[in-house]
Amino acid sequence: MSKNNRWLAIVNLLSGSGRCGRDWEHIARMLYGAGIDFDTVFTGHRSHAIDLAERGVVEDGYRNLIAIGGDGTVHEVANGILRQRAVPSDQIRMGVIPVGTGNDWIRTYKIPRDYQEAVNVIAAGKEFRQDVAKVEYVGRNGEQAERYCVNICGMGLDAAVNLRVCQMKDKGRNGKAAYMTQLVRSVLTYRSCMMTVGVDGTTEAKGNIMSIAVGIGQYNGSGMWQLPGSVTDDGLLDVTVIEQMSIPHIALVVGRLFDGKLYNLKRVNNYRGREITVTSKEVREVEIDGEALGTTPVRLTTEDKRLRIIVP
């Protein structure tokens, strides 16, 4: 049955340390008040929103989806849209009401955190088509895996911090303070290893590398400006490579992660390309849009303007 004119709200009640569950009825009243006709499904476990989005499009005929939650919910709803093949992904619209703790994907687009303002953005219906990156990596079971990245994919220290944060989230502890705590702990214990970064078939960086960020958007880690020059519809992936450095130098990097001047520092390099590969002498963690999913080696390729989103 076609439901082309209705929205499917995919809600993660656990987002924002349970704030989404506490605020959901309030958000629903705002959606109704804005004249948005919608049906609702709730996520029950990790990766559930991928299945709910795919089923909503393929089996139930929805062409308008709202991700209500944090960056993980945005990632999963987008992956459900991109994974299915019944309908071209750019025929499906995705709106977002941010109720997470990091809310990094929305920062690039300046989507408001205020519920009513976010609802008003969806009601206004201004559209934008952003690029996505197909990420091939090694899954937790040791087999080849694949996901789509709609924001930033991190490797090395970036992903090691993220894994710790995800483990804390599973215990009900999250937020910017939790991220910074795990960042400090990881910096003190993380050991760089030999890594190689390829850009469009050419080796651009090779050596003891501490952290790598590759992506479409600009922010991750609760507001860290990892890819300050990234453009979400230019067909290119931006890359930030941070070489091994001393702890005092790392402190400078952390400061520059919040003011957009990261590339002014020595041992921090940036590249752009359509295909990015990362290999490492030792296995290193990989995170995609804030989800700790697997390990190196990694290959990312751009797919132009495949995600149709609602923006201010």
Protein backbone atom coordinates (compact mmCIF):
# COMPACT_ATOMS: atom_id res chain seq x y z
CA MET A 1 0.00 0.00 0.00
CA SER A 2 1.42 3.37 -0.99
CA LYS A 3 1.86 5.99 1.70
CA ASN A 4 3.71 8.52 -0.42
CA ASN A 5 2.16 11.56 1.27
CA ARG A 6 2.73 10.46 4.87
CA TRP A 7 5.87 10.54 6.95
CA LEU A 8 7.30 7.60 8.85
CA ALA A 9 8.82 8.74 12.14
CA ILE A 10 11.56 6.35 13.28
CA VAL A 11 12.09 7.08 16.96
CA ASN A 12 14.94 5.99 19.24
CA LEU A 13 13.50 6.50 22.71
CA LEU A 14 16.93 5.91 24.30
CA SER A 15 18.62 8.80 22.49
CA GLY A 16 19.99 11.62 24.59
CA SER A 17 20.33 9.40 27.67
CA GLY A 18 16.60 8.66 27.49
CA ARG A 19 15.54 12.26 26.83
CA CYS A 20 13.84 11.19 23.60
CA GLY A 21 11.57 8.85 25.55
CA ARG A 22 10.69 11.60 28.01
CA ASP A 23 10.05 14.17 25.26
CA TRP A 24 8.46 12.04 22.57
CA GLU A 25 4.82 12.94 23.28
CA HIS A 26 5.77 16.62 23.26
CA ILE A 27 7.55 16.23 19.90
CA ALA A 28 4.60 14.29 18.47
CA ARG A 29 2.22 17.11 19.39
CA MET A 30 4.49 19.57 17.61
CA LEU A 31 4.49 17.43 14.46
CA TYR A 32 0.70 17.23 14.50
CA GLY A 33 0.49 20.96 15.17
CA ALA A 34 2.65 21.67 12.11
CA GLY A 35 0.25 19.68 9.93
CA ILE A 36 2.68 16.81 9.35
CA ASP A 37 0.82 13.51 8.85
CA PHE A 38 2.94 10.69 10.18
CA ASP A 39 3.04 7.16 11.49
CA THR A 40 5.48 6.01 14.16
CA VAL A 41 7.80 3.07 14.74
CA PHE A 42 10.23 2.68 17.65
CA THR A 43 13.69 1.15 17.56
CA GLY A 44 14.32 -1.78 19.85
CA HIS A 45 18.01 -2.51 19.44
CA ARG A 46 21.20 -1.43 17.67
CA SER A 47 20.82 -1.35 13.84
CA HIS A 48 17.03 -1.72 14.14
CA ALA A 49 16.43 1.66 12.46
CA ILE A 50 18.15 0.36 9.31
CA ASP A 51 15.58 -2.42 9.00
CA LEU A 52 12.67 -0.15 9.93
CA ALA A 53 13.64 2.42 7.28
CA GLU A 54 14.16 -0.21 4.59
CA ARG A 55 10.89 -1.95 5.39
CA GLY A 56 9.06 1.37 5.50
CA VAL A 57 10.21 2.21 1.99
CA VAL A 58 10.06 -1.20 0.33
CA GLU A 59 7.06 -2.85 1.98
CA ASP A 60 4.93 0.05 3.20
CA GLY A 61 5.51 2.62 0.46
CA TYR A 62 6.80 5.54 2.52
CA ARG A 63 8.80 8.17 0.68
CA ASN A 64 9.24 10.56 3.63
CA LEU A 65 11.15 9.49 6.74
CA ILE A 66 12.01 11.34 9.95
CA ALA A 67 14.94 10.22 12.08
CA ILE A 68 14.20 11.19 15.67
CA GLY A 69 17.23 10.57 17.85
CA GLY A 70 20.99 11.12 17.72
CA ASP A 71 23.72 10.61 15.15
CA GLY A 72 23.34 6.84 15.38
CA THR A 73 19.67 7.09 14.45
CA VAL A 74 20.47 9.40 11.52
CA HIS A 75 23.16 6.96 10.37
CA GLU A 76 20.85 3.97 10.54
CA VAL A 77 17.82 5.60 8.88
CA ALA A 78 20.07 6.86 6.08
CA ASN A 79 21.56 3.38 5.66
CA GLY A 80 18.09 1.87 5.40
CA ILE A 81 17.25 4.33 2.63
CA LEU A 82 20.55 3.74 0.82
CA ARG A 83 20.67 -0.04 1.27
CA GLN A 84 17.32 -0.84 -0.34
CA ARG A 85 17.15 -1.07 -4.12
CA ALA A 86 13.38 -0.97 -4.73
CA VAL A 87 13.28 2.83 -5.03
CA PRO A 88 16.05 5.24 -6.06
CA SER A 89 17.33 6.76 -2.83
CA ASP A 90 17.02 10.31 -4.12
CA GLN A 91 13.25 9.80 -4.38
CA ILE A 92 13.06 9.47 -0.60
CA ARG A 93 13.23 12.44 1.74
CA MET A 94 14.81 12.32 5.20
CA GLY A 95 14.12 14.87 7.90
CA VAL A 96 15.79 14.93 11.32
CA ILE A 97 14.70 16.00 14.78
CA PRO A 98 17.89 15.88 16.87
CA VAL A 99 17.53 14.40 20.35
CA GLY A 100 21.03 12.99 20.78
CA THR A 101 24.01 14.09 22.81
CA GLY A 102 26.57 14.76 20.07
CA ASN A 103 24.24 15.76 17.22
CA ASP A 104 27.21 16.20 14.89
CA TRP A 105 25.58 15.56 11.52
CA ILE A 106 23.15 18.47 11.98
CA ARG A 107 25.97 20.95 12.73
CA THR A 108 27.13 21.07 9.12
CA TYR A 109 23.61 22.05 8.00
CA LYS A 110 22.76 24.20 11.03
CA ILE A 111 19.63 22.19 11.67
CA PRO A 112 18.28 23.60 14.97
CA ARG A 113 18.33 21.58 18.18
CA ASP A 114 15.12 23.21 19.36
CA TYR A 115 12.30 20.73 18.73
CA GLN A 116 9.80 23.24 17.41
CA GLU A 117 12.32 24.85 15.09
CA ALA A 118 13.39 21.43 13.78
CA VAL A 119 9.75 20.53 13.15
CA ASN A 120 9.28 23.82 11.30
CA VAL A 121 12.25 22.94 9.06
CA ILE A 122 10.58 19.65 8.10
CA ALA A 123 7.24 21.38 7.50
CA ALA A 124 8.91 23.95 5.22
CA GLY A 125 10.36 21.10 3.16
CA LYS A 126 13.50 22.70 1.69
CA GLU A 127 15.52 19.91 0.08
CA PHE A 128 19.22 19.26 -0.42
CA ARG A 129 20.99 16.28 -1.97
CA GLN A 130 24.19 15.27 -0.22
CA ASP A 131 26.89 12.81 -1.18
CA VAL A 132 27.48 9.61 0.77
CA ALA A 133 30.46 7.30 1.07
CA LYS A 134 30.29 3.54 0.74
CA VAL A 135 32.62 2.09 3.37
CA GLU A 136 34.11 -1.38 3.07
CA TYR A 137 35.83 -2.65 6.21
CA VAL A 138 36.35 -5.75 8.36
CA GLY A 139 33.38 -6.51 10.60
CA ARG A 140 33.49 -7.78 14.17
CA ASN A 141 33.11 -11.34 12.91
CA GLY A 142 36.27 -11.00 10.80
CA GLU A 143 34.36 -10.95 7.53
CA GLN A 144 34.12 -8.18 4.94
CA ALA A 145 31.36 -5.69 5.80
CA GLU A 146 29.81 -2.62 4.22
CA ARG A 147 28.00 0.49 5.47
CA TYR A 148 27.26 3.96 4.17
CA CYS A 149 28.83 6.98 5.82
CA VAL A 150 26.79 10.19 5.76
CA ASN A 151 29.07 12.18 8.06
CA ILE A 152 32.59 11.05 9.10
CA CYS A 153 34.47 7.76 9.28
CA GLY A 154 37.33 7.64 11.77
CA MET A 155 40.31 5.31 12.19
CA GLY A 156 43.08 5.00 14.75
CA LEU A 157 42.81 7.15 17.88
CA ASP A 158 39.53 8.67 16.68
CA ALA A 159 37.92 5.23 16.49
CA ALA A 160 39.54 3.99 19.70
CA VAL A 161 37.94 6.88 21.58
CA ASN A 162 34.63 6.19 19.86
CA LEU A 163 34.69 2.52 20.86
CA ARG A 164 35.13 3.49 24.50
CA VAL A 165 32.33 6.06 24.24
CA CYS A 166 29.99 3.48 22.66
CA GLN A 167 30.78 1.09 25.50
CA MET A 168 29.90 3.84 27.98
CA LYS A 169 26.66 4.56 26.12
CA ASP A 170 25.69 0.92 26.49
CA LYS A 171 26.07 1.46 30.24
CA GLY A 172 23.88 4.58 30.11
CA ARG A 173 26.68 7.14 30.29
CA ASN A 174 27.24 9.54 27.42
CA GLY A 175 27.55 13.18 26.45
CA LYS A 176 30.41 15.58 25.70
CA ALA A 177 31.98 15.10 29.14
CA ALA A 178 32.09 11.34 28.58
CA TYR A 179 33.71 11.87 25.17
CA MET A 180 36.38 14.19 26.54
CA THR A 181 37.12 11.80 29.43
CA GLN A 182 37.66 8.92 27.02
CA LEU A 183 39.69 11.13 24.71
CA VAL A 184 42.14 11.96 27.49
CA ARG A 185 42.38 8.32 28.56
CA SER A 186 42.92 7.15 25.00
CA VAL A 187 45.58 9.79 24.28
CA LEU A 188 47.55 8.58 27.30
CA THR A 189 47.38 4.91 26.30
CA TYR A 190 47.02 4.81 22.50
CA ARG A 191 50.01 3.65 20.45
CA SER A 192 50.37 4.84 16.85
CA CYS A 193 51.26 2.29 14.18
CA MET A 194 52.39 2.21 10.57
CA MET A 195 49.43 3.19 8.37
CA THR A 196 49.10 3.96 4.68
CA VAL A 197 46.53 6.33 3.19
CA GLY A 198 45.76 6.12 -0.51
CA VAL A 199 43.86 8.82 -2.41
CA ASP A 200 42.52 7.92 -5.85
CA GLY A 201 45.13 5.20 -6.27
CA THR A 202 48.12 7.25 -5.10
CA THR A 203 49.81 6.83 -1.71
CA GLU A 204 49.59 10.22 -0.01
CA ALA A 205 50.56 9.38 3.57
CA LYS A 206 52.61 6.56 5.06
CA GLY A 207 54.17 6.34 8.49
CA ASN A 208 53.29 6.25 12.17
CA ILE A 209 49.83 7.79 12.05
CA MET A 210 47.78 8.55 15.13
CA SER A 211 44.35 9.34 13.68
CA ILE A 212 42.51 9.55 10.37
CA ALA A 213 39.14 11.13 9.61
CA VAL A 214 37.44 10.72 6.22
CA GLY A 215 34.04 11.99 5.29
CA ILE A 216 31.26 14.08 3.91
CA GLY A 217 30.36 16.30 6.86
CA GLN A 218 32.54 18.51 9.04
CA TYR A 219 31.97 17.60 12.70
CA ASN A 220 32.17 14.56 14.94
CA GLY A 221 32.96 13.74 18.57
CA SER A 222 30.38 16.16 20.02
CA GLY A 223 31.45 19.22 18.06
CA MET A 224 35.03 18.51 17.01
CA TRP A 225 35.71 20.23 13.67
CA GLN A 226 37.60 17.34 12.10
CA LEU A 227 36.99 18.23 8.43
CA PRO A 228 36.59 22.03 8.39
CA GLY A 229 36.77 22.34 4.60
CA SER A 230 34.40 19.54 3.68
CA VAL A 231 31.57 20.26 1.22
CA THR A 232 28.72 17.76 1.31
CA ASP A 233 27.85 17.80 -2.39
CA ASP A 234 31.17 18.29 -4.21
CA GLY A 235 31.68 14.61 -5.06
CA LEU A 236 34.83 14.41 -2.95
CA LEU A 237 35.81 12.90 0.36
CA ASP A 238 37.86 15.09 2.70
CA VAL A 239 40.65 13.45 4.70
CA THR A 240 42.45 14.62 7.84
CA VAL A 241 45.61 12.69 8.77
CA ILE A 242 47.25 13.34 12.15
CA GLU A 243 50.73 11.91 12.45
CA GLN A 244 52.25 10.51 15.64
CA MET A 245 53.10 13.30 18.06
CA SER A 246 53.94 14.05 21.68
CA ILE A 247 51.26 14.55 24.31
CA PRO A 248 51.89 18.34 24.56
CA HIS A 249 51.46 18.59 20.78
CA ILE A 250 48.26 16.55 21.02
CA ALA A 251 46.91 19.14 23.44
CA LEU A 252 47.35 21.76 20.70
CA VAL A 253 45.49 19.52 18.25
CA VAL A 254 42.56 19.12 20.64
CA GLY A 255 42.29 22.90 20.95
CA ARG A 256 42.34 23.38 17.18
CA LEU A 257 39.64 20.73 16.77
CA PHE A 258 37.12 23.26 18.05
CA ASP A 259 38.20 26.45 16.24
CA GLY A 260 38.50 25.25 12.64
CA LYS A 261 42.27 25.88 12.46
CA LEU A 262 43.38 22.27 12.63
CA TYR A 263 45.31 22.43 9.36
CA ASN A 264 47.55 25.21 10.68
CA LEU A 265 49.41 22.65 12.80
CA LYS A 266 52.46 20.66 11.78
CA ARG A 267 51.94 16.91 11.36
CA VAL A 268 48.32 17.49 10.42
CA ASN A 269 47.61 17.04 6.72
CA ASN A 270 44.50 17.10 4.58
CA TYR A 271 43.62 15.54 1.24
CA ARG A 272 40.62 15.18 -1.06
CA GLY A 273 39.58 12.41 -3.44
CA ARG A 274 36.83 10.12 -4.62
CA GLU A 275 38.39 6.90 -3.34
CA ILE A 276 40.25 6.63 -0.04
CA THR A 277 42.00 3.49 1.21
CA VAL A 278 43.54 2.93 4.63
CA THR A 279 45.70 -0.03 5.60
CA SER A 280 47.59 -0.58 8.85
CA LYS A 281 50.43 -2.82 9.96
CA GLU A 282 48.43 -3.62 13.09
CA VAL A 283 44.64 -3.90 13.23
CA ARG A 284 43.02 -0.58 14.12
CA GLU A 285 39.44 0.33 15.03
CA VAL A 286 37.03 1.89 12.54
CA GLU A 287 34.00 4.01 13.40
CA ILE A 288 31.36 5.22 10.95
CA ASP A 289 29.17 8.19 11.89
CA GLY A 290 29.95 7.52 15.54
CA GLU A 291 29.20 3.80 15.39
CA ALA A 292 32.03 1.44 16.40
CA LEU A 293 31.62 -1.15 13.66
CA GLY A 294 34.89 -2.91 12.82
CA THR A 295 38.55 -2.62 11.91
CA THR A 296 41.01 -1.86 9.12
CA PRO A 297 41.66 -2.22 6.20
CA VAL A 298 39.13 0.29 4.88
CA ARG A 299 38.03 1.51 1.46
CA LEU A 300 35.71 4.50 0.99
CA THR A 301 34.17 5.57 -2.31
CA THR A 302 31.85 8.49 -3.00
CA GLU A 303 28.34 8.16 -4.38
CA ASP A 304 27.15 11.57 -5.54
CA LYS A 305 24.03 13.24 -4.14
CA ARG A 306 22.32 10.00 -3.15
CA LEU A 307 20.74 11.22 0.09
CA ARG A 308 17.83 13.68 -0.17
CA ILE A 309 17.51 15.59 3.08
CA ILE A 310 15.40 18.40 4.54
CA VAL A 311 17.46 21.40 5.67
CA PRO A 312 16.83 24.96 6.91
